Each structure stands twice: as structure tokens, then as C-alpha cells.
Protein backbone atom coordinates (compact mmCIF):
# COMPACT_ATOMS: atom_id res chain seq x y z
CA MET A 1 -10.60 262.63 18.55
CA ALA A 2 -7.84 264.18 20.70
CA ARG A 3 -5.21 262.24 18.74
CA GLU A 4 -6.58 263.56 15.43
CA GLU A 5 -6.49 267.15 16.74
CA GLU A 6 -2.89 266.62 17.86
CA LYS A 7 -2.00 265.34 14.38
CA TYR A 8 -3.63 268.39 12.77
CA GLN A 9 -1.71 270.79 15.04
CA THR A 10 1.59 269.06 14.22
CA GLN A 11 0.87 269.30 10.51
CA ARG A 12 0.18 273.04 10.75
CA GLU A 13 3.05 274.04 13.03
CA PHE A 14 4.49 276.21 10.23
CA SER A 15 3.01 278.61 7.69
CA ARG A 16 3.13 277.36 4.12
CA VAL A 17 3.25 279.04 0.71
CA ASP A 18 3.16 278.12 -2.96
CA ALA A 19 6.20 278.98 -5.06
CA HIS A 20 7.59 278.33 -8.54
CA VAL A 21 11.28 277.47 -8.04
CA PRO A 22 14.11 275.37 -9.46
CA PHE A 23 13.43 271.92 -7.99
CA GLU A 24 14.59 268.32 -8.40
CA VAL A 25 13.75 265.18 -6.44
CA ARG A 26 15.10 261.64 -6.18
CA VAL A 27 14.51 258.63 -3.93
CA VAL A 28 17.33 258.13 -1.43
CA PRO A 29 18.64 254.55 -1.69
CA SER A 30 18.50 252.64 1.62
CA GLU A 31 22.32 252.50 1.87
CA GLU A 32 22.49 256.34 1.88
CA ARG A 33 19.74 256.96 4.44
CA ALA A 34 21.99 256.74 7.51
CA SER A 35 24.17 259.62 6.31
CA ILE A 36 21.62 262.15 5.06
CA ARG A 37 21.41 265.66 6.51
CA ALA A 38 19.75 268.79 5.20
CA ARG A 39 22.31 271.42 4.19
CA THR A 40 22.91 274.53 2.16
CA SER A 41 24.88 274.22 -1.06
CA GLY A 42 28.55 275.02 -0.59
CA GLY A 43 27.99 275.68 3.10
CA THR A 44 31.53 274.63 3.95
CA SER A 45 33.39 275.98 0.92
CA PHE A 46 35.52 278.44 2.84
CA ALA A 47 37.12 277.36 6.06
CA GLU A 48 38.57 280.78 6.79
CA THR A 49 37.41 284.22 5.75
CA HIS A 50 38.88 287.51 6.89
CA ALA A 51 37.04 290.77 7.34
CA LEU A 52 38.12 293.54 5.00
CA PRO A 53 40.15 296.29 6.64
CA GLU A 54 38.42 299.62 7.23
CA LEU A 55 39.29 302.00 4.38
CA GLN A 56 39.48 305.76 4.89
CA ASP A 57 38.51 306.57 1.30
CA LYS A 58 34.70 306.13 1.25
CA ILE A 59 34.49 305.83 -2.55
CA LEU A 60 37.21 303.16 -2.58
CA ALA A 61 35.52 301.36 0.33
CA GLU A 62 32.19 301.23 -1.57
CA TRP A 63 33.97 299.99 -4.71
CA VAL A 64 35.78 297.22 -2.76
CA LYS A 65 32.50 296.24 -1.04
CA SER A 66 30.77 296.06 -4.44
CA MET A 67 33.57 293.94 -5.94
CA ASN A 68 33.50 291.64 -2.92
CA SER A 69 29.75 291.04 -3.25
CA LYS A 70 30.12 290.36 -6.99
CA LEU A 71 32.88 287.84 -6.30
CA ASP A 72 30.68 286.17 -3.68
CA ALA A 73 27.89 285.91 -6.27
CA ILE A 74 30.27 284.32 -8.80
CA VAL A 75 31.55 281.82 -6.24
CA ASN A 76 27.93 280.94 -5.33
CA MET A 77 27.04 280.41 -8.99
CA LEU A 78 30.06 278.16 -9.54
CA THR A 79 29.20 276.17 -6.42
CA PHE A 80 25.59 275.82 -7.58
CA GLN A 81 26.82 274.50 -10.95
CA ARG A 82 29.26 272.06 -9.33
CA GLU A 83 26.56 270.62 -7.08
CA GLY A 84 24.02 270.19 -9.90
CA PHE A 85 21.81 273.21 -9.20
CA GLY A 86 22.56 274.95 -12.51
CA SER A 87 20.17 273.12 -14.83
CA MET A 88 17.25 272.18 -12.60
CA PRO A 89 13.73 272.54 -14.02
CA PHE A 90 11.25 274.89 -12.38
CA ALA A 91 8.39 273.31 -10.46
CA HIS A 92 5.39 274.38 -8.42
CA VAL A 93 5.94 273.52 -4.74
CA ASN A 94 4.11 274.14 -1.50
CA ILE A 95 6.70 274.69 1.23
CA SER A 96 6.80 275.24 4.97
CA GLY A 97 9.33 274.85 7.75
CA GLY A 98 8.01 271.34 8.32
CA GLY A 99 7.73 269.87 4.84
CA LEU A 100 7.27 270.28 1.13
CA GLY A 101 4.58 269.25 -1.35
CA PHE A 102 5.08 268.86 -5.10
CA PHE A 103 3.57 267.32 -8.21
CA ALA A 104 5.42 264.36 -9.75
CA ARG A 105 4.97 262.16 -12.81
CA ASP A 106 5.88 259.09 -10.76
CA LYS A 107 4.25 257.80 -7.61
CA TYR A 108 6.39 257.87 -4.49
CA ASN A 109 5.57 255.34 -1.78
CA VAL A 110 4.52 256.51 1.67
CA GLY A 111 7.51 256.07 3.99
CA GLU A 112 10.14 256.50 1.27
CA THR A 113 12.86 259.06 1.88
CA VAL A 114 13.49 261.56 -0.92
CA GLU A 115 16.24 264.11 -1.52
CA MET A 116 14.93 267.45 -2.77
CA LYS A 117 17.26 270.01 -4.30
CA ILE A 118 15.75 273.48 -4.37
CA ILE A 119 16.86 277.05 -4.97
CA LEU A 120 15.01 279.62 -2.89
CA PRO A 121 14.87 282.96 -4.73
CA MET A 122 16.34 285.11 -1.96
CA MET A 123 19.03 287.75 -2.16
CA PRO A 124 21.44 286.04 -2.57
CA PRO A 125 19.71 282.83 -3.77
CA VAL A 126 19.84 279.92 -1.33
CA ALA A 127 20.39 276.41 -2.71
CA LEU A 128 19.36 273.62 -0.36
CA PHE A 129 19.53 269.85 -0.10
CA LEU A 130 16.38 268.88 1.79
CA TYR A 131 15.27 265.40 2.83
CA GLY A 132 11.73 264.30 3.42
CA GLU A 133 9.69 261.27 4.31
CA VAL A 134 6.79 260.81 1.89
CA VAL A 135 3.57 261.09 3.90
CA LYS A 136 1.13 261.20 0.96
CA SER A 137 1.19 260.46 -2.77
CA GLU A 138 -2.22 261.04 -4.31
CA ARG A 139 -3.15 260.46 -7.96
CA MET A 140 -4.30 263.61 -9.78
CA THR A 141 -5.28 263.85 -13.47
CA ASN A 142 -1.85 263.18 -14.98
CA SER A 143 0.48 263.44 -11.97
CA TYR A 144 0.80 262.63 -8.29
CA MET A 145 0.52 265.20 -5.52
CA THR A 146 3.29 264.20 -3.17
CA ALA A 147 3.62 265.52 0.38
CA THR A 148 6.75 265.15 2.47
CA LYS A 149 7.69 265.81 6.08
CA PHE A 150 11.27 267.06 6.51
CA VAL A 151 13.73 264.70 8.16
CA ALA A 152 17.41 265.15 9.07
CA MET A 153 16.75 268.91 9.26
CA ASN A 154 18.95 271.22 11.30
CA GLU A 155 17.92 274.60 12.68
CA GLU A 156 20.08 276.63 10.25
CA VAL A 157 18.46 275.08 7.17
CA GLN A 158 14.99 275.26 8.68
CA ASP A 159 15.56 278.97 9.39
CA GLU A 160 16.38 279.55 5.69
CA VAL A 161 13.14 277.86 4.65
CA VAL A 162 11.08 279.81 7.21
CA LYS A 163 12.70 283.12 6.11
CA PHE A 164 11.73 282.32 2.52
CA VAL A 165 8.15 281.44 3.52
CA PHE A 166 7.71 284.74 5.40
CA ARG A 167 9.23 286.70 2.50
CA ARG A 168 6.92 284.96 0.04
CA GLN A 169 3.88 285.63 2.26
CA ARG A 170 4.74 289.35 2.25
CA GLU A 171 4.98 289.29 -1.56
CA ILE A 172 1.57 287.62 -1.82
CA LEU A 173 0.01 290.20 0.52
CA ARG A 174 1.51 293.06 -1.50
CA GLU A 175 0.10 291.59 -4.73
CA LYS A 176 -3.37 291.32 -3.17
CA ARG A 177 -3.31 295.01 -2.18
CA LYS A 178 -2.69 296.17 -5.75
């Protein structure tokens, strides 16, 4: 019984939420498994960035700041397109800092490693490559409910997921109050 309680606590280490987001999944071939690591899209695009100089003209400073943020958004969009995030279908997922659940047409085998590409609707949007070990694949009416446990996850990527979960929980609470 103690072992089962320990398993339950591990499974619920993180809060989880449902979301409708751009999402794509594929099985990671065995030859790729040694080199997988969760990461943000375009995370290493710019090796060197310089801070903008302080401008005395406040109107000009605001304009430059606005242009800079628009350019950042364009660069992010181009990076998303280049890495295949531009045309992903939307899917219902259940996500936490420890794993992700989703519905799939095909059955995934327990123990398989899958790559999940997802865009979290933050400001700015965050595109992630996540990897998970399939822990459950259960037949539903005309699909399979697949549950994964994140693997090859670093703290930076996990923090992005947890930030999204907390933001989504706040949205859900606000909707309930209305």
C-alpha cells in the first residue's frame, strides 16, 4: 500500500490543466533517443544581443521599444515556421510540469518515447519540443487517451510549462466567477 501511495504522490507532483493548443506528436526512433532534450524553439538563435542605449527623448524611446518588440515577434514567427510549428493542428491536451496527456487516432505503446511539439499561448507564445515516455494508452470510443511522463526535461523548459499551467488555472478561475 505504501508503494501505491508513493506512486500517486509522484503522479500528482504538479498541477495540471486542460488546454486547446497547436500540438503534434511523433514516435522517436530508437537511434535518436540518446540525443533528445526538451527545448524551446529557436532558443539559441541569437548568440549575442546588446541592450538598447538609454534615449533622452521619451517618445522616441517608446517608439524604439515598440519597434524592437515587433521585430522580436517577427523573428519568433519565422523561427516557428522554420521549425515546423506554423501549420500544426490544434488539439485538446492535459498538461502539467511532469507530463502531458492527449487523444490520438493511433495507439502508442507503453514505454515508447514520443516527441511532442506544442505552442503555449503566452505573451509572447512559447513553442516547445517536449519528450515523454508513454505511461498509458487507453482505447476510447474512436481514439486513444495517451498519457506521457516527461523525459530529458531541463528546468528552464519545465518552468515555461509550469508558468503556462498557473496562467491557465487563473483563467479558469476567472471564468468560473463570471
